Amino acid sequence: MGHPVTTNPLIIMLINMTVVFIVLVALMYMIKLIHLVDPTKPKEEPAKPVAKLAPAPVPAPAPAPPVEEEGIPSEVVAAIAAAVASCGASGQIRSIRPVNREGWKQSGRMHGIHSV
């Protein structure tokens, strides 16, 4: 009884993946069931009848597209600031400037050629 049933790694992998898949499917259905019987969900009220002579709503004017400034987008600046702050650097970031260095691209290409 102390010996394993099989030592074939493919059989063990298939058994493990099957068990994981079955557990995931069971969790999926459990979550769907919880959403169906959720007691904290607000009750839906019946729809009120709409008057037939109601004027059609006037659509709101479309907002103007945001003006993009030249330079680095604000999302990139926020990501760089967060990365610097997470490294523990103190102080103020005075400027963020893109640096065009073709050498890095060339170095990557050469590394890719020599590593093959």
Protein backbone atom coordinates (compact mmCIF):
# COMPACT_ATOMS: atom_id res chain seq x y z
CA MET A 1 0.00 0.00 0.00
CA GLY A 2 3.00 2.29 0.38
CA HIS A 3 3.84 2.22 -3.34
CA PRO A 4 2.42 4.81 -5.75
CA VAL A 5 -0.15 3.61 -8.26
CA THR A 6 1.81 5.09 -11.14
CA THR A 7 5.11 6.84 -11.66
CA ASN A 8 4.35 7.98 -15.20
CA PRO A 9 4.59 11.79 -15.11
CA LEU A 10 2.10 12.24 -17.97
CA ILE A 11 -0.62 10.32 -16.12
CA ILE A 12 0.06 12.28 -12.93
CA MET A 13 -0.12 15.57 -14.91
CA LEU A 14 -3.43 14.60 -16.54
CA ILE A 15 -4.95 13.62 -13.19
CA ASN A 16 -3.81 16.87 -11.56
CA MET A 17 -5.05 19.04 -14.43
CA THR A 18 -8.40 17.24 -14.44
CA VAL A 19 -8.85 17.81 -10.72
CA VAL A 20 -7.94 21.50 -11.04
CA PHE A 21 -10.33 21.94 -14.00
CA ILE A 22 -13.19 20.27 -12.12
CA VAL A 23 -12.59 22.46 -9.07
CA LEU A 24 -12.55 25.62 -11.22
CA VAL A 25 -15.81 24.66 -12.93
CA ALA A 26 -17.40 23.92 -9.54
CA LEU A 27 -16.29 27.34 -8.25
CA MET A 28 -17.71 29.01 -11.36
CA TYR A 29 -21.13 27.46 -10.79
CA MET A 30 -20.98 28.26 -7.09
CA ILE A 31 -20.33 31.94 -7.88
CA LYS A 32 -23.22 31.97 -10.37
CA LEU A 33 -25.49 30.45 -7.74
CA ILE A 34 -24.46 33.06 -5.19
CA HIS A 35 -25.25 35.83 -7.69
CA LEU A 36 -28.71 34.37 -8.25
CA VAL A 37 -29.64 34.18 -4.56
CA ASP A 38 -27.76 37.29 -3.40
CA PRO A 39 -29.78 38.78 -0.52
CA THR A 40 -27.95 42.12 -0.68
CA LYS A 41 -28.97 42.81 -4.28
CA PRO A 42 -31.47 45.72 -4.48
CA LYS A 43 -34.98 44.75 -5.49
CA GLU A 44 -35.99 45.72 -9.01
CA GLU A 45 -39.00 48.03 -9.18
CA PRO A 46 -41.54 47.58 -11.96
CA ALA A 47 -41.11 50.00 -14.86
CA LYS A 48 -43.42 53.00 -14.84
CA PRO A 49 -45.47 53.61 -17.99
CA VAL A 50 -44.12 56.40 -20.16
CA ALA A 51 -46.47 59.13 -21.42
CA LYS A 52 -46.95 58.90 -25.19
CA LEU A 53 -46.72 62.66 -25.76
CA ALA A 54 -43.44 63.13 -23.94
CA PRO A 55 -40.96 65.21 -25.92
CA ALA A 56 -37.91 63.41 -27.20
CA PRO A 57 -34.87 64.08 -25.03
CA VAL A 58 -32.31 66.37 -26.59
CA PRO A 59 -28.90 64.71 -26.67
CA ALA A 60 -26.22 66.52 -24.74
CA PRO A 61 -23.50 68.09 -26.85
CA ALA A 62 -20.46 65.89 -27.26
CA PRO A 63 -17.60 66.89 -25.00
CA ALA A 64 -14.63 68.41 -26.74
CA PRO A 65 -11.78 65.97 -27.29
CA PRO A 66 -8.98 66.45 -24.76
CA VAL A 67 -6.13 68.55 -26.01
CA GLU A 68 -2.96 66.51 -26.08
CA GLU A 69 0.21 68.35 -25.32
CA GLU A 70 3.47 67.52 -26.97
CA GLY A 71 5.83 65.45 -24.95
CA ILE A 72 5.30 62.58 -22.57
CA PRO A 73 1.68 61.54 -21.85
CA SER A 74 0.46 62.08 -18.30
CA GLU A 75 -0.02 58.31 -17.78
CA VAL A 76 3.67 57.72 -18.48
CA VAL A 77 4.67 60.52 -16.10
CA ALA A 78 2.47 59.03 -13.37
CA ALA A 79 3.97 55.57 -13.90
CA ILE A 80 7.53 56.93 -13.74
CA ALA A 81 6.76 58.93 -10.59
CA ALA A 82 5.22 55.86 -8.93
CA ALA A 83 8.24 53.74 -9.85
CA VAL A 84 10.67 56.29 -8.45
CA ALA A 85 8.62 56.64 -5.25
CA SER A 86 8.43 52.86 -4.80
CA CYS A 87 12.21 52.63 -4.96
CA GLY A 88 12.37 54.80 -1.86
CA ALA A 89 13.78 57.91 -3.53
CA SER A 90 12.93 61.09 -1.72
CA GLY A 91 12.80 64.52 -3.21
CA GLN A 92 11.01 66.06 -6.13
CA ILE A 93 11.10 64.99 -9.77
CA ARG A 94 12.04 68.11 -11.68
CA SER A 95 11.79 66.90 -15.26
CA ILE A 96 11.26 63.81 -17.34
CA ARG A 97 12.82 63.91 -20.76
CA PRO A 98 12.90 61.21 -23.41
CA VAL A 99 16.39 60.31 -24.50
CA ASN A 100 16.86 58.97 -28.00
CA ARG A 101 19.68 56.48 -27.84
CA GLU A 102 19.96 54.37 -30.91
CA GLY A 103 22.78 52.43 -29.26
CA TRP A 104 20.36 50.48 -27.06
CA LYS A 105 18.36 49.35 -30.06
CA GLN A 106 21.49 48.31 -31.88
CA SER A 107 22.78 46.53 -28.79
CA GLY A 108 19.54 44.56 -28.53
CA ARG A 109 19.72 43.60 -32.18
CA MET A 110 23.33 42.46 -31.84
CA HIS A 111 22.51 40.48 -28.70
CA GLY A 112 19.66 38.79 -30.57
CA ILE A 113 21.95 37.90 -33.45
CA HIS A 114 24.75 36.54 -31.27
CA SER A 115 22.52 34.57 -28.91
CA VAL A 116 21.02 32.42 -31.68
